[in-house]
Every structure is written in structure tokens, then in C-alpha cells.
Amino acid sequence: LISVKDEGMGIPRDKVEKIFERFYRV
């Protein structure tokens, strides 16, 4: 298991699963 954690602004809960889709930008 590998993980990379940042302290940025985060992603809304309903959009977390979509960030791996092509051309998707939060």
C-alpha cells in the first residue's frame, strides 16, 4: 500500500470518486 497525502484545499465528498475520470477537473 502506497499513499501520498497533501494539506491542500481538499475535494468535495461527492466528487472524490470522479477525479480519476479522464478530463475531469474539480
ModelCIF file with pLDDT and N, C-alpha, C, O atoms, coordinates in Angstrom:
data_MODEL
#
_entry.id   MODEL 
#
_entity.id                         1 
_entity.type                       polymer 
_entity.pdbx_number_of_molecules   1 
#
_entity_poly.entity_id                      1 
_entity_poly.type                           'polypeptide(L)' 
_entity_poly.nstd_linkage                   no 
_entity_poly.nstd_monomer                   no 
_entity_poly.pdbx_seq_one_letter_code       LISVKDEGMGIPRDKVEKIFERFYRV 
_entity_poly.pdbx_seq_one_letter_code_can   LISVKDEGMGIPRDKVEKIFERFYRV 
_entity_poly.pdbx_strand_id                 A 
#
loop_
_entity_poly_seq.entity_id 
_entity_poly_seq.num 
_entity_poly_seq.mon_id 
_entity_poly_seq.hetero 
1 1  LEU n 
1 2  ILE n 
1 3  SER n 
1 4  VAL n 
1 5  LYS n 
1 6  ASP n 
1 7  GLU n 
1 8  GLY n 
1 9  MET n 
1 10 GLY n 
1 11 ILE n 
1 12 PRO n 
1 13 ARG n 
1 14 ASP n 
1 15 LYS n 
1 16 VAL n 
1 17 GLU n 
1 18 LYS n 
1 19 ILE n 
1 20 PHE n 
1 21 GLU n 
1 22 ARG n 
1 23 PHE n 
1 24 TYR n 
1 25 ARG n 
1 26 VAL n 
#
_struct_asym.id          A 
_struct_asym.entity_id   1 
#
loop_
_ma_qa_metric.id 
_ma_qa_metric.mode 
_ma_qa_metric.name 
_ma_qa_metric.software_group_id 
_ma_qa_metric.type 
1 global pLDDT . pLDDT 
2 local  pLDDT . pLDDT 
#
_ma_qa_metric_global.metric_id      1 
_ma_qa_metric_global.metric_value   82.42 
_ma_qa_metric_global.model_id       1 
_ma_qa_metric_global.ordinal_id     1 
#
loop_
_ma_qa_metric_local.label_asym_id 
_ma_qa_metric_local.label_comp_id 
_ma_qa_metric_local.label_seq_id 
_ma_qa_metric_local.metric_id 
_ma_qa_metric_local.metric_value 
_ma_qa_metric_local.model_id 
_ma_qa_metric_local.ordinal_id 
A LEU 1  2 94.00 1 1  
A ILE 2  2 94.00 1 2  
A SER 3  2 95.00 1 3  
A VAL 4  2 94.00 1 4  
A LYS 5  2 94.00 1 5  
A ASP 6  2 93.00 1 6  
A GLU 7  2 90.00 1 7  
A GLY 8  2 87.00 1 8  
A MET 9  2 86.00 1 9  
A GLY 10 2 87.00 1 10 
A ILE 11 2 87.00 1 11 
A PRO 12 2 86.00 1 12 
A ARG 13 2 84.00 1 13 
A ASP 14 2 80.00 1 14 
A LYS 15 2 82.00 1 15 
A VAL 16 2 84.00 1 16 
A GLU 17 2 82.00 1 17 
A LYS 18 2 81.00 1 18 
A ILE 19 2 84.00 1 19 
A PHE 20 2 83.00 1 20 
A GLU 21 2 76.00 1 21 
A ARG 22 2 68.00 1 22 
A PHE 23 2 64.00 1 23 
A TYR 24 2 65.00 1 24 
A ARG 25 2 61.00 1 25 
A VAL 26 2 62.00 1 26 
#
loop_
_atom_site.group_PDB 
_atom_site.id 
_atom_site.type_symbol 
_atom_site.label_atom_id 
_atom_site.label_alt_id 
_atom_site.label_comp_id 
_atom_site.label_asym_id 
_atom_site.label_entity_id 
_atom_site.label_seq_id 
_atom_site.pdbx_PDB_ins_code 
_atom_site.Cartn_x 
_atom_site.Cartn_y 
_atom_site.Cartn_z 
_atom_site.occupancy 
_atom_site.B_iso_or_equiv 
_atom_site.pdbx_formal_charge 
_atom_site.auth_seq_id 
_atom_site.auth_comp_id 
_atom_site.auth_asym_id 
_atom_site.auth_atom_id 
_atom_site.pdbx_PDB_model_num 
ATOM 1   N N  . LEU A 1 1  ? 0.846   -1.192 0.000   1.00 94.00 ? 1  LEU A N  1 
ATOM 2   C CA . LEU A 1 1  ? 0.000   0.000  0.000   1.00 94.00 ? 1  LEU A CA 1 
ATOM 3   C C  . LEU A 1 1  ? 0.886   1.248  0.000   1.00 94.00 ? 1  LEU A C  1 
ATOM 4   O O  . LEU A 1 1  ? 1.747   1.412  0.865   1.00 94.00 ? 1  LEU A O  1 
ATOM 5   N N  . ILE A 1 2  ? 0.661   2.133  -0.992  1.00 94.00 ? 2  ILE A N  1 
ATOM 6   C CA . ILE A 1 2  ? 1.421   3.379  -1.117  1.00 94.00 ? 2  ILE A CA 1 
ATOM 7   C C  . ILE A 1 2  ? 0.428   4.537  -1.028  1.00 94.00 ? 2  ILE A C  1 
ATOM 8   O O  . ILE A 1 2  ? -0.656  4.481  -1.607  1.00 94.00 ? 2  ILE A O  1 
ATOM 9   N N  . SER A 1 3  ? 0.809   5.589  -0.296  1.00 95.00 ? 3  SER A N  1 
ATOM 10  C CA . SER A 1 3  ? -0.066  6.758  -0.180  1.00 95.00 ? 3  SER A CA 1 
ATOM 11  C C  . SER A 1 3  ? 0.752   8.040  -0.238  1.00 95.00 ? 3  SER A C  1 
ATOM 12  O O  . SER A 1 3  ? 1.898   8.100  0.209   1.00 95.00 ? 3  SER A O  1 
ATOM 13  N N  . VAL A 1 4  ? 0.111   9.073  -0.811  1.00 94.00 ? 4  VAL A N  1 
ATOM 14  C CA . VAL A 1 4  ? 0.707   10.418 -0.875  1.00 94.00 ? 4  VAL A CA 1 
ATOM 15  C C  . VAL A 1 4  ? -0.346  11.388 -0.351  1.00 94.00 ? 4  VAL A C  1 
ATOM 16  O O  . VAL A 1 4  ? -1.431  11.494 -0.922  1.00 94.00 ? 4  VAL A O  1 
ATOM 17  N N  . LYS A 1 5  ? -0.038  12.087 0.717   1.00 94.00 ? 5  LYS A N  1 
ATOM 18  C CA . LYS A 1 5  ? -1.009  12.961 1.384   1.00 94.00 ? 5  LYS A CA 1 
ATOM 19  C C  . LYS A 1 5  ? -0.535  14.418 1.322   1.00 94.00 ? 5  LYS A C  1 
ATOM 20  O O  . LYS A 1 5  ? 0.615   14.717 1.644   1.00 94.00 ? 5  LYS A O  1 
ATOM 21  N N  . ASP A 1 6  ? -1.439  15.327 0.902   1.00 93.00 ? 6  ASP A N  1 
ATOM 22  C CA . ASP A 1 6  ? -1.111  16.761 0.900   1.00 93.00 ? 6  ASP A CA 1 
ATOM 23  C C  . ASP A 1 6  ? -2.001  17.482 1.894   1.00 93.00 ? 6  ASP A C  1 
ATOM 24  O O  . ASP A 1 6  ? -2.906  16.885 2.478   1.00 93.00 ? 6  ASP A O  1 
ATOM 25  N N  . GLU A 1 7  ? -1.741  18.772 2.083   1.00 90.00 ? 7  GLU A N  1 
ATOM 26  C CA . GLU A 1 7  ? -2.533  19.587 3.014   1.00 90.00 ? 7  GLU A CA 1 
ATOM 27  C C  . GLU A 1 7  ? -3.221  20.705 2.257   1.00 90.00 ? 7  GLU A C  1 
ATOM 28  O O  . GLU A 1 7  ? -3.330  21.831 2.741   1.00 90.00 ? 7  GLU A O  1 
ATOM 29  N N  . GLY A 1 8  ? -3.686  20.373 1.052   1.00 87.00 ? 8  GLY A N  1 
ATOM 30  C CA . GLY A 1 8  ? -4.312  21.375 0.208   1.00 87.00 ? 8  GLY A CA 1 
ATOM 31  C C  . GLY A 1 8  ? -5.757  21.639 0.589   1.00 87.00 ? 8  GLY A C  1 
ATOM 32  O O  . GLY A 1 8  ? -6.181  21.370 1.713   1.00 87.00 ? 8  GLY A O  1 
ATOM 33  N N  . MET A 1 9  ? -6.501  22.169 -0.364  1.00 86.00 ? 9  MET A N  1 
ATOM 34  C CA . MET A 1 9  ? -7.875  22.600 -0.079  1.00 86.00 ? 9  MET A CA 1 
ATOM 35  C C  . MET A 1 9  ? -8.855  21.425 -0.029  1.00 86.00 ? 9  MET A C  1 
ATOM 36  O O  . MET A 1 9  ? -9.989  21.591 0.421   1.00 86.00 ? 9  MET A O  1 
ATOM 37  N N  . GLY A 1 10 ? -8.431  20.230 -0.488  1.00 87.00 ? 10 GLY A N  1 
ATOM 38  C CA . GLY A 1 10 ? -9.317  19.082 -0.423  1.00 87.00 ? 10 GLY A CA 1 
ATOM 39  C C  . GLY A 1 10 ? -10.311 19.037 -1.583  1.00 87.00 ? 10 GLY A C  1 
ATOM 40  O O  . GLY A 1 10 ? -10.365 19.933 -2.426  1.00 87.00 ? 10 GLY A O  1 
ATOM 41  N N  . ILE A 1 11 ? -11.090 17.965 -1.591  1.00 87.00 ? 11 ILE A N  1 
ATOM 42  C CA . ILE A 1 11 ? -12.060 17.728 -2.670  1.00 87.00 ? 11 ILE A CA 1 
ATOM 43  C C  . ILE A 1 11 ? -13.418 17.473 -2.038  1.00 87.00 ? 11 ILE A C  1 
ATOM 44  O O  . ILE A 1 11 ? -13.493 16.766 -1.033  1.00 87.00 ? 11 ILE A O  1 
ATOM 45  N N  . PRO A 1 12 ? -14.498 18.023 -2.590  1.00 86.00 ? 12 PRO A N  1 
ATOM 46  C CA . PRO A 1 12 ? -15.839 17.721 -2.055  1.00 86.00 ? 12 PRO A CA 1 
ATOM 47  C C  . PRO A 1 12 ? -16.116 16.211 -2.086  1.00 86.00 ? 12 PRO A C  1 
ATOM 48  O O  . PRO A 1 12 ? -15.662 15.496 -2.979  1.00 86.00 ? 12 PRO A O  1 
ATOM 49  N N  . ARG A 1 13 ? -16.864 15.759 -1.099  1.00 84.00 ? 13 ARG A N  1 
ATOM 50  C CA . ARG A 1 13 ? -17.105 14.330 -0.940  1.00 84.00 ? 13 ARG A CA 1 
ATOM 51  C C  . ARG A 1 13 ? -17.771 13.709 -2.174  1.00 84.00 ? 13 ARG A C  1 
ATOM 52  O O  . ARG A 1 13 ? -17.439 12.589 -2.562  1.00 84.00 ? 13 ARG A O  1 
ATOM 53  N N  . ASP A 1 14 ? -18.701 14.431 -2.784  1.00 80.00 ? 14 ASP A N  1 
ATOM 54  C CA . ASP A 1 14 ? -19.417 13.871 -3.924  1.00 80.00 ? 14 ASP A CA 1 
ATOM 55  C C  . ASP A 1 14 ? -18.596 13.871 -5.209  1.00 80.00 ? 14 ASP A C  1 
ATOM 56  O O  . ASP A 1 14 ? -19.054 13.376 -6.238  1.00 80.00 ? 14 ASP A O  1 
ATOM 57  N N  . LYS A 1 15 ? -17.369 14.433 -5.153  1.00 82.00 ? 15 LYS A N  1 
ATOM 58  C CA . LYS A 1 15 ? -16.540 14.496 -6.351  1.00 82.00 ? 15 LYS A CA 1 
ATOM 59  C C  . LYS A 1 15 ? -15.246 13.697 -6.219  1.00 82.00 ? 15 LYS A C  1 
ATOM 60  O O  . LYS A 1 15 ? -14.425 13.679 -7.136  1.00 82.00 ? 15 LYS A O  1 
ATOM 61  N N  . VAL A 1 16 ? -15.068 13.038 -5.075  1.00 84.00 ? 16 VAL A N  1 
ATOM 62  C CA . VAL A 1 16 ? -13.809 12.314 -4.846  1.00 84.00 ? 16 VAL A CA 1 
ATOM 63  C C  . VAL A 1 16 ? -13.634 11.186 -5.851  1.00 84.00 ? 16 VAL A C  1 
ATOM 64  O O  . VAL A 1 16 ? -12.541 10.997 -6.385  1.00 84.00 ? 16 VAL A O  1 
ATOM 65  N N  . GLU A 1 17 ? -14.696 10.438 -6.114  1.00 82.00 ? 17 GLU A N  1 
ATOM 66  C CA . GLU A 1 17 ? -14.595 9.281  -6.993  1.00 82.00 ? 17 GLU A CA 1 
ATOM 67  C C  . GLU A 1 17 ? -14.415 9.673  -8.460  1.00 82.00 ? 17 GLU A C  1 
ATOM 68  O O  . GLU A 1 17 ? -14.030 8.837  -9.277  1.00 82.00 ? 17 GLU A O  1 
ATOM 69  N N  . LYS A 1 18 ? -14.691 10.943 -8.806  1.00 81.00 ? 18 LYS A N  1 
ATOM 70  C CA . LYS A 1 18 ? -14.629 11.361 -10.203 1.00 81.00 ? 18 LYS A CA 1 
ATOM 71  C C  . LYS A 1 18 ? -13.261 11.862 -10.635 1.00 81.00 ? 18 LYS A C  1 
ATOM 72  O O  . LYS A 1 18 ? -13.032 12.088 -11.824 1.00 81.00 ? 18 LYS A O  1 
ATOM 73  N N  . ILE A 1 19 ? -12.339 12.040 -9.678  1.00 84.00 ? 19 ILE A N  1 
ATOM 74  C CA . ILE A 1 19 ? -11.064 12.668 -10.040 1.00 84.00 ? 19 ILE A CA 1 
ATOM 75  C C  . ILE A 1 19 ? -10.203 11.757 -10.895 1.00 84.00 ? 19 ILE A C  1 
ATOM 76  O O  . ILE A 1 19 ? -9.226  12.209 -11.492 1.00 84.00 ? 19 ILE A O  1 
ATOM 77  N N  . PHE A 1 20 ? -10.556 10.464 -10.962 1.00 83.00 ? 20 PHE A N  1 
ATOM 78  C CA . PHE A 1 20 ? -9.777  9.544  -11.789 1.00 83.00 ? 20 PHE A CA 1 
ATOM 79  C C  . PHE A 1 20 ? -10.369 9.397  -13.185 1.00 83.00 ? 20 PHE A C  1 
ATOM 80  O O  . PHE A 1 20 ? -9.855  8.624  -13.993 1.00 83.00 ? 20 PHE A O  1 
ATOM 81  N N  . GLU A 1 21 ? -11.434 10.120 -13.476 1.00 76.00 ? 21 GLU A N  1 
ATOM 82  C CA . GLU A 1 21 ? -12.008 10.085 -14.810 1.00 76.00 ? 21 GLU A CA 1 
ATOM 83  C C  . GLU A 1 21 ? -11.213 11.001 -15.738 1.00 76.00 ? 21 GLU A C  1 
ATOM 84  O O  . GLU A 1 21 ? -10.605 11.977 -15.298 1.00 76.00 ? 21 GLU A O  1 
ATOM 85  N N  . ARG A 1 22 ? -11.227 10.674 -17.007 1.00 68.00 ? 22 ARG A N  1 
ATOM 86  C CA . ARG A 1 22 ? -10.457 11.453 -17.983 1.00 68.00 ? 22 ARG A CA 1 
ATOM 87  C C  . ARG A 1 22 ? -11.068 12.839 -18.175 1.00 68.00 ? 22 ARG A C  1 
ATOM 88  O O  . ARG A 1 22 ? -12.286 12.987 -18.278 1.00 68.00 ? 22 ARG A O  1 
ATOM 89  N N  . PHE A 1 23 ? -10.206 13.844 -18.220 1.00 64.00 ? 23 PHE A N  1 
ATOM 90  C CA . PHE A 1 23 ? -10.548 15.241 -18.467 1.00 64.00 ? 23 PHE A CA 1 
ATOM 91  C C  . PHE A 1 23 ? -11.344 15.866 -17.313 1.00 64.00 ? 23 PHE A C  1 
ATOM 92  O O  . PHE A 1 23 ? -11.851 16.980 -17.445 1.00 64.00 ? 23 PHE A O  1 
ATOM 93  N N  . TYR A 1 24 ? -11.456 15.145 -16.169 1.00 65.00 ? 24 TYR A N  1 
ATOM 94  C CA . TYR A 1 24 ? -12.242 15.711 -15.074 1.00 65.00 ? 24 TYR A CA 1 
ATOM 95  C C  . TYR A 1 24 ? -11.348 16.636 -14.244 1.00 65.00 ? 24 TYR A C  1 
ATOM 96  O O  . TYR A 1 24 ? -10.219 16.286 -13.900 1.00 65.00 ? 24 TYR A O  1 
ATOM 97  N N  . ARG A 1 25 ? -11.887 17.846 -13.923 1.00 61.00 ? 25 ARG A N  1 
ATOM 98  C CA . ARG A 1 25 ? -11.199 18.805 -13.069 1.00 61.00 ? 25 ARG A CA 1 
ATOM 99  C C  . ARG A 1 25 ? -12.173 19.290 -12.020 1.00 61.00 ? 25 ARG A C  1 
ATOM 100 O O  . ARG A 1 25 ? -13.298 19.678 -12.334 1.00 61.00 ? 25 ARG A O  1 
ATOM 101 N N  . VAL A 1 26 ? -11.738 19.268 -10.767 1.00 62.00 ? 26 VAL A N  1 
ATOM 102 C CA . VAL A 1 26 ? -12.595 19.779 -9.683  1.00 62.00 ? 26 VAL A CA 1 
ATOM 103 C C  . VAL A 1 26 ? -12.755 21.288 -9.839  1.00 62.00 ? 26 VAL A C  1 
ATOM 104 O O  . VAL A 1 26 ? -13.437 21.923 -9.035  1.00 62.00 ? 26 VAL A O  1 
#
